[in-house]
Amino acid sequence: MAEKPTKPYLIRAIHEWCSDSGFTPYVSVQVNADTRVPTEHVKNGEIVLNVGSDAAHRLTIGNERIQFAARFNGVSRECSIPIEAVTGIFAKENGQGMFFPRDAATDGTSAAPAPESTPPATSPNGGKPKLQVIK
């Protein structure tokens, strides 16, 4: 029997902790060809999304994907995120949460092409992109 990955369980646990604590859970996602999010909000190949109950409707955090509907600029959009594309889940209010190492399948080295509207995943200083919580 193959061992089940712990990542989806950890994502669900941090999401529940945020909700129970009155915090707003956010996920950081490395966008790849299998990620369905509004590409106009993707920056440096990454998007940070509010997955709190007020923002994400019909939220399902499964073992393979996170799926929900959310409004972007007043328009409802369906989002579908592979678990392996999630690079972190954290509370907006204090930044506490969990961050995951990037998988080879999501760091731009895979054979799957990135969406055409996604800019390359580099930062202005030439290093890896960094997640920054802005309050």
N, C-alpha and C. Protein backbone atom coordinates (compact mmCIF):
# COMPACT_ATOMS: atom_id res chain seq x y z
N MET A 1 0.84 -1.18 0.00
CA MET A 1 0.00 0.00 0.00
C MET A 1 0.88 1.24 0.00
N ALA A 2 0.61 2.15 -0.91
CA ALA A 2 1.40 3.37 -1.02
C ALA A 2 1.09 4.30 0.15
N GLU A 3 2.13 4.97 0.61
CA GLU A 3 1.98 5.91 1.71
C GLU A 3 1.29 7.18 1.21
N LYS A 4 0.31 7.66 1.96
CA LYS A 4 -0.41 8.88 1.59
C LYS A 4 0.41 10.09 2.00
N PRO A 5 0.44 11.12 1.15
CA PRO A 5 1.17 12.33 1.51
C PRO A 5 0.48 13.07 2.66
N THR A 6 1.27 13.74 3.49
CA THR A 6 0.74 14.46 4.63
C THR A 6 0.27 15.88 4.28
N LYS A 7 0.73 16.40 3.16
CA LYS A 7 0.47 17.80 2.82
C LYS A 7 -1.01 18.18 2.83
N PRO A 8 -1.92 17.43 2.20
CA PRO A 8 -3.33 17.86 2.24
C PRO A 8 -3.90 17.86 3.65
N TYR A 9 -3.45 16.95 4.49
CA TYR A 9 -3.92 16.89 5.88
C TYR A 9 -3.42 18.10 6.67
N LEU A 10 -2.17 18.50 6.42
CA LEU A 10 -1.62 19.67 7.10
C LEU A 10 -2.32 20.94 6.64
N ILE A 11 -2.63 21.04 5.35
CA ILE A 11 -3.35 22.20 4.83
C ILE A 11 -4.72 22.31 5.49
N ARG A 12 -5.43 21.18 5.57
CA ARG A 12 -6.75 21.19 6.23
C ARG A 12 -6.64 21.57 7.70
N ALA A 13 -5.60 21.08 8.37
CA ALA A 13 -5.42 21.38 9.80
C ALA A 13 -5.15 22.87 10.03
N ILE A 14 -4.26 23.46 9.25
CA ILE A 14 -3.96 24.89 9.40
C ILE A 14 -5.18 25.73 9.04
N HIS A 15 -5.93 25.33 8.01
CA HIS A 15 -7.16 26.04 7.64
C HIS A 15 -8.15 26.01 8.81
N GLU A 16 -8.32 24.85 9.42
CA GLU A 16 -9.24 24.72 10.55
C GLU A 16 -8.76 25.56 11.74
N TRP A 17 -7.46 25.53 12.01
CA TRP A 17 -6.90 26.32 13.10
C TRP A 17 -7.15 27.81 12.87
N CYS A 18 -6.91 28.28 11.65
CA CYS A 18 -7.16 29.69 11.33
C CYS A 18 -8.62 30.04 11.58
N SER A 19 -9.52 29.22 11.07
CA SER A 19 -10.95 29.48 11.20
C SER A 19 -11.38 29.47 12.67
N ASP A 20 -10.92 28.49 13.42
CA ASP A 20 -11.27 28.39 14.84
C ASP A 20 -10.71 29.55 15.66
N SER A 21 -9.59 30.11 15.22
CA SER A 21 -8.94 31.20 15.94
C SER A 21 -9.44 32.57 15.51
N GLY A 22 -10.34 32.61 14.54
CA GLY A 22 -10.85 33.89 14.05
C GLY A 22 -9.91 34.58 13.08
N PHE A 23 -8.95 33.83 12.52
CA PHE A 23 -8.02 34.37 11.54
C PHE A 23 -8.50 34.08 10.12
N THR A 24 -7.94 34.78 9.16
CA THR A 24 -8.27 34.59 7.76
C THR A 24 -7.20 33.72 7.11
N PRO A 25 -7.56 32.50 6.66
CA PRO A 25 -6.56 31.63 6.04
C PRO A 25 -6.28 32.04 4.59
N TYR A 26 -5.01 32.12 4.25
CA TYR A 26 -4.57 32.41 2.90
C TYR A 26 -3.69 31.26 2.43
N VAL A 27 -3.76 30.94 1.13
CA VAL A 27 -2.84 29.97 0.55
C VAL A 27 -1.96 30.66 -0.47
N SER A 28 -0.71 30.26 -0.49
CA SER A 28 0.24 30.70 -1.49
C SER A 28 0.37 29.57 -2.50
N VAL A 29 0.25 29.91 -3.78
CA VAL A 29 0.22 28.88 -4.82
C VAL A 29 1.24 29.21 -5.91
N GLN A 30 2.07 28.21 -6.25
CA GLN A 30 2.96 28.32 -7.41
C GLN A 30 2.14 27.87 -8.62
N VAL A 31 1.80 28.80 -9.48
CA VAL A 31 0.92 28.52 -10.62
C VAL A 31 1.63 27.67 -11.65
N ASN A 32 0.95 26.60 -12.10
CA ASN A 32 1.46 25.77 -13.18
C ASN A 32 0.33 25.54 -14.19
N ALA A 33 0.57 24.72 -15.17
CA ALA A 33 -0.41 24.50 -16.24
C ALA A 33 -1.70 23.86 -15.73
N ASP A 34 -1.66 23.19 -14.59
CA ASP A 34 -2.83 22.49 -14.04
C ASP A 34 -3.60 23.35 -13.03
N THR A 35 -3.13 24.56 -12.76
CA THR A 35 -3.75 25.45 -11.79
C THR A 35 -4.77 26.34 -12.49
N ARG A 36 -5.99 26.40 -11.93
CA ARG A 36 -7.04 27.23 -12.50
C ARG A 36 -7.36 28.36 -11.53
N VAL A 37 -6.74 29.51 -11.79
CA VAL A 37 -6.95 30.73 -11.01
C VAL A 37 -6.98 31.90 -11.99
N PRO A 38 -7.50 33.05 -11.58
CA PRO A 38 -7.48 34.20 -12.49
C PRO A 38 -6.04 34.63 -12.79
N THR A 39 -5.60 34.42 -14.02
CA THR A 39 -4.20 34.68 -14.37
C THR A 39 -3.83 36.15 -14.28
N GLU A 40 -4.83 37.04 -14.35
CA GLU A 40 -4.52 38.47 -14.25
C GLU A 40 -4.03 38.86 -12.85
N HIS A 41 -4.22 37.97 -11.87
CA HIS A 41 -3.77 38.24 -10.51
C HIS A 41 -2.49 37.48 -10.16
N VAL A 42 -1.93 36.75 -11.10
CA VAL A 42 -0.70 35.99 -10.88
C VAL A 42 0.48 36.95 -11.04
N LYS A 43 1.39 36.92 -10.06
CA LYS A 43 2.60 37.75 -10.13
C LYS A 43 3.81 36.85 -9.89
N ASN A 44 4.76 36.93 -10.78
CA ASN A 44 5.98 36.12 -10.69
C ASN A 44 5.68 34.64 -10.56
N GLY A 45 4.62 34.18 -11.25
CA GLY A 45 4.28 32.77 -11.25
C GLY A 45 3.62 32.30 -9.96
N GLU A 46 3.21 33.23 -9.12
CA GLU A 46 2.64 32.89 -7.82
C GLU A 46 1.38 33.72 -7.57
N ILE A 47 0.45 33.15 -6.81
CA ILE A 47 -0.75 33.87 -6.41
C ILE A 47 -1.04 33.53 -4.95
N VAL A 48 -1.52 34.50 -4.22
CA VAL A 48 -1.91 34.30 -2.83
C VAL A 48 -3.42 34.54 -2.76
N LEU A 49 -4.14 33.55 -2.23
CA LEU A 49 -5.60 33.58 -2.24
C LEU A 49 -6.19 33.45 -0.84
N ASN A 50 -7.24 34.22 -0.59
CA ASN A 50 -8.00 34.12 0.66
C ASN A 50 -8.91 32.90 0.53
N VAL A 51 -8.76 31.93 1.42
CA VAL A 51 -9.61 30.75 1.41
C VAL A 51 -10.47 30.68 2.67
N GLY A 52 -10.75 31.85 3.25
CA GLY A 52 -11.64 31.92 4.40
C GLY A 52 -13.09 31.72 3.97
N SER A 53 -13.95 31.43 4.93
CA SER A 53 -15.35 31.12 4.61
C SER A 53 -16.09 32.31 4.00
N ASP A 54 -15.66 33.54 4.27
CA ASP A 54 -16.31 34.70 3.68
C ASP A 54 -15.91 34.92 2.22
N ALA A 55 -14.78 34.37 1.80
CA ALA A 55 -14.27 34.62 0.45
C ALA A 55 -14.39 33.41 -0.47
N ALA A 56 -14.17 32.21 0.06
CA ALA A 56 -14.16 31.00 -0.77
C ALA A 56 -15.45 30.23 -0.53
N HIS A 57 -16.26 30.15 -1.55
CA HIS A 57 -17.55 29.47 -1.45
C HIS A 57 -17.44 28.05 -2.00
N ARG A 58 -18.12 27.12 -1.35
CA ARG A 58 -18.06 25.70 -1.72
C ARG A 58 -16.62 25.18 -1.68
N LEU A 59 -15.89 25.60 -0.65
CA LEU A 59 -14.49 25.20 -0.50
C LEU A 59 -14.38 23.71 -0.21
N THR A 60 -13.54 23.04 -0.99
CA THR A 60 -13.22 21.64 -0.77
C THR A 60 -11.70 21.51 -0.78
N ILE A 61 -11.15 21.03 0.33
CA ILE A 61 -9.71 20.76 0.38
C ILE A 61 -9.57 19.24 0.36
N GLY A 62 -9.40 18.70 -0.83
CA GLY A 62 -9.27 17.26 -1.00
C GLY A 62 -7.83 16.82 -0.95
N ASN A 63 -7.59 15.54 -1.16
CA ASN A 63 -6.23 15.02 -1.14
C ASN A 63 -5.46 15.35 -2.41
N GLU A 64 -6.15 15.69 -3.48
CA GLU A 64 -5.51 16.00 -4.76
C GLU A 64 -5.60 17.47 -5.15
N ARG A 65 -6.73 18.14 -4.77
CA ARG A 65 -6.99 19.50 -5.23
C ARG A 65 -7.71 20.32 -4.16
N ILE A 66 -7.55 21.63 -4.25
CA ILE A 66 -8.36 22.58 -3.51
C ILE A 66 -9.27 23.23 -4.54
N GLN A 67 -10.58 23.21 -4.29
CA GLN A 67 -11.54 23.79 -5.24
C GLN A 67 -12.49 24.71 -4.49
N PHE A 68 -12.82 25.84 -5.13
CA PHE A 68 -13.77 26.79 -4.55
C PHE A 68 -14.15 27.81 -5.60
N ALA A 69 -15.19 28.58 -5.29
CA ALA A 69 -15.59 29.71 -6.12
C ALA A 69 -15.31 30.98 -5.31
N ALA A 70 -14.83 32.00 -5.98
CA ALA A 70 -14.53 33.26 -5.31
C ALA A 70 -14.79 34.42 -6.26
N ARG A 71 -14.99 35.58 -5.71
CA ARG A 71 -15.22 36.77 -6.53
C ARG A 71 -13.92 37.53 -6.70
N PHE A 72 -13.63 37.88 -7.94
CA PHE A 72 -12.47 38.69 -8.29
C PHE A 72 -13.00 39.87 -9.08
N ASN A 73 -12.81 41.07 -8.54
CA ASN A 73 -13.36 42.28 -9.16
C ASN A 73 -14.85 42.16 -9.43
N GLY A 74 -15.57 41.54 -8.50
CA GLY A 74 -17.02 41.42 -8.59
C GLY A 74 -17.53 40.29 -9.46
N VAL A 75 -16.63 39.51 -10.06
CA VAL A 75 -17.02 38.42 -10.95
C VAL A 75 -16.69 37.08 -10.28
N SER A 76 -17.68 36.19 -10.19
CA SER A 76 -17.46 34.88 -9.59
C SER A 76 -16.62 34.01 -10.52
N ARG A 77 -15.57 33.40 -9.96
CA ARG A 77 -14.68 32.54 -10.74
C ARG A 77 -14.47 31.24 -9.98
N GLU A 78 -14.37 30.15 -10.71
CA GLU A 78 -14.07 28.84 -10.14
C GLU A 78 -12.55 28.68 -10.09
N CYS A 79 -12.05 28.24 -8.95
CA CYS A 79 -10.62 28.02 -8.78
C CYS A 79 -10.38 26.54 -8.49
N SER A 80 -9.32 26.01 -9.06
CA SER A 80 -8.93 24.63 -8.84
C SER A 80 -7.41 24.58 -8.74
N ILE A 81 -6.92 24.15 -7.59
CA ILE A 81 -5.49 24.21 -7.32
C ILE A 81 -4.99 22.82 -6.94
N PRO A 82 -4.03 22.27 -7.66
CA PRO A 82 -3.45 20.99 -7.26
C PRO A 82 -2.73 21.15 -5.91
N ILE A 83 -2.87 20.18 -5.05
CA ILE A 83 -2.22 20.24 -3.73
C ILE A 83 -0.73 20.46 -3.87
N GLU A 84 -0.10 19.82 -4.87
CA GLU A 84 1.35 19.98 -5.00
C GLU A 84 1.77 21.40 -5.38
N ALA A 85 0.83 22.24 -5.87
CA ALA A 85 1.14 23.62 -6.22
C ALA A 85 1.07 24.56 -5.01
N VAL A 86 0.52 24.09 -3.89
CA VAL A 86 0.41 24.93 -2.69
C VAL A 86 1.79 25.02 -2.04
N THR A 87 2.26 26.25 -1.87
CA THR A 87 3.57 26.45 -1.23
C THR A 87 3.43 26.91 0.21
N GLY A 88 2.21 27.24 0.64
CA GLY A 88 2.02 27.62 2.03
C GLY A 88 0.57 27.92 2.35
N ILE A 89 0.24 27.83 3.63
CA ILE A 89 -1.06 28.25 4.15
C ILE A 89 -0.77 28.96 5.46
N PHE A 90 -1.37 30.14 5.63
CA PHE A 90 -1.03 30.96 6.79
C PHE A 90 -2.18 31.88 7.15
N ALA A 91 -2.13 32.42 8.37
CA ALA A 91 -3.12 33.38 8.84
C ALA A 91 -2.69 34.77 8.39
N LYS A 92 -3.61 35.49 7.75
CA LYS A 92 -3.32 36.85 7.28
C LYS A 92 -2.92 37.77 8.43
N GLU A 93 -3.58 37.60 9.56
CA GLU A 93 -3.41 38.53 10.67
C GLU A 93 -2.06 38.46 11.36
N ASN A 94 -1.45 37.27 11.43
CA ASN A 94 -0.18 37.16 12.15
C ASN A 94 0.91 36.42 11.37
N GLY A 95 0.58 35.92 10.16
CA GLY A 95 1.58 35.23 9.33
C GLY A 95 1.91 33.83 9.77
N GLN A 96 1.30 33.35 10.86
CA GLN A 96 1.59 32.00 11.33
C GLN A 96 0.93 30.97 10.43
N GLY A 97 1.61 29.89 10.19
CA GLY A 97 1.08 28.84 9.34
C GLY A 97 2.17 27.85 8.99
N MET A 98 2.09 27.34 7.78
CA MET A 98 3.05 26.33 7.35
C MET A 98 3.39 26.58 5.89
N PHE A 99 4.67 26.47 5.59
CA PHE A 99 5.14 26.62 4.21
C PHE A 99 5.81 25.33 3.80
N PHE A 100 5.68 24.99 2.54
CA PHE A 100 6.15 23.72 2.02
C PHE A 100 7.24 23.96 0.98
N PRO A 101 8.19 23.02 0.87
CA PRO A 101 9.18 23.15 -0.20
C PRO A 101 8.49 23.00 -1.54
N ARG A 102 9.00 23.69 -2.52
CA ARG A 102 8.42 23.58 -3.86
C ARG A 102 8.76 22.23 -4.45
N ASP A 103 7.75 21.61 -5.06
CA ASP A 103 7.97 20.35 -5.75
C ASP A 103 8.57 20.64 -7.11
N ALA A 104 9.33 19.69 -7.65
CA ALA A 104 9.91 19.85 -8.99
C ALA A 104 8.82 20.06 -10.02
N ALA A 105 7.64 19.50 -9.80
CA ALA A 105 6.54 19.64 -10.77
C ALA A 105 5.96 21.03 -10.78
N THR A 106 6.25 21.86 -9.78
CA THR A 106 5.65 23.19 -9.74
C THR A 106 6.67 24.31 -9.77
N ASP A 107 7.97 23.99 -9.84
CA ASP A 107 8.96 25.06 -9.78
C ASP A 107 9.43 25.53 -11.15
N GLY A 108 8.72 25.13 -12.19
CA GLY A 108 9.07 25.59 -13.52
C GLY A 108 10.03 24.66 -14.24
N THR A 109 10.47 23.57 -13.62
CA THR A 109 11.40 22.67 -14.27
C THR A 109 10.70 21.45 -14.87
N SER A 110 9.38 21.39 -14.75
CA SER A 110 8.65 20.24 -15.28
C SER A 110 8.46 20.38 -16.79
N ALA A 111 8.03 19.30 -17.40
CA ALA A 111 7.80 19.32 -18.84
C ALA A 111 6.53 20.08 -19.21
N ALA A 112 5.61 20.25 -18.26
CA ALA A 112 4.36 20.95 -18.54
C ALA A 112 4.64 22.45 -18.69
N PRO A 113 4.15 23.07 -19.76
CA PRO A 113 4.39 24.49 -19.95
C PRO A 113 3.55 25.33 -18.98
N ALA A 114 4.11 26.46 -18.58
CA ALA A 114 3.36 27.39 -17.74
C ALA A 114 2.36 28.14 -18.61
N PRO A 115 1.27 28.65 -18.03
CA PRO A 115 0.33 29.45 -18.82
C PRO A 115 1.05 30.63 -19.46
N GLU A 116 0.65 30.99 -20.67
CA GLU A 116 1.35 32.03 -21.42
C GLU A 116 1.32 33.38 -20.73
N SER A 117 0.26 33.67 -19.97
CA SER A 117 0.16 34.97 -19.33
C SER A 117 0.92 35.03 -18.01
N THR A 118 1.56 33.94 -17.60
CA THR A 118 2.29 33.92 -16.35
C THR A 118 3.71 34.40 -16.58
N PRO A 119 4.14 35.44 -15.85
CA PRO A 119 5.51 35.90 -15.99
C PRO A 119 6.49 34.89 -15.39
N PRO A 120 7.76 34.94 -15.76
CA PRO A 120 8.73 34.00 -15.21
C PRO A 120 8.86 34.19 -13.71
N ALA A 121 9.18 33.08 -13.02
CA ALA A 121 9.25 33.09 -11.56
C ALA A 121 10.63 33.55 -11.10
N THR A 122 10.92 34.84 -11.25
CA THR A 122 12.16 35.41 -10.74
C THR A 122 11.84 36.71 -10.04
N SER A 123 12.69 37.06 -9.12
CA SER A 123 12.49 38.32 -8.43
C SER A 123 13.46 39.36 -9.01
N PRO A 124 13.21 40.64 -8.75
CA PRO A 124 14.06 41.68 -9.31
C PRO A 124 15.53 41.55 -8.90
N ASN A 125 15.80 40.96 -7.73
CA ASN A 125 17.18 40.85 -7.28
C ASN A 125 17.86 39.58 -7.78
N GLY A 126 17.18 38.80 -8.65
CA GLY A 126 17.78 37.64 -9.27
C GLY A 126 17.65 36.35 -8.48
N GLY A 127 17.12 36.40 -7.26
CA GLY A 127 16.96 35.19 -6.46
C GLY A 127 15.59 34.59 -6.64
N LYS A 128 15.26 33.65 -5.77
CA LYS A 128 13.93 33.04 -5.81
C LYS A 128 12.89 34.06 -5.36
N PRO A 129 11.65 33.95 -5.87
CA PRO A 129 10.62 34.86 -5.39
C PRO A 129 10.35 34.61 -3.90
N LYS A 130 9.99 35.67 -3.21
CA LYS A 130 9.74 35.56 -1.78
C LYS A 130 8.30 35.96 -1.50
N LEU A 131 7.67 35.24 -0.58
CA LEU A 131 6.33 35.56 -0.16
C LEU A 131 6.41 36.63 0.90
N GLN A 132 5.62 37.68 0.74
CA GLN A 132 5.61 38.76 1.70
C GLN A 132 4.17 39.04 2.09
N VAL A 133 3.88 39.01 3.39
CA VAL A 133 2.54 39.30 3.87
C VAL A 133 2.42 40.81 4.03
N ILE A 134 1.44 41.39 3.37
CA ILE A 134 1.20 42.84 3.45
C ILE A 134 -0.08 43.05 4.21
N LYS A 135 0.00 43.78 5.29
CA LYS A 135 -1.19 44.00 6.13
C LYS A 135 -1.83 45.32 5.80
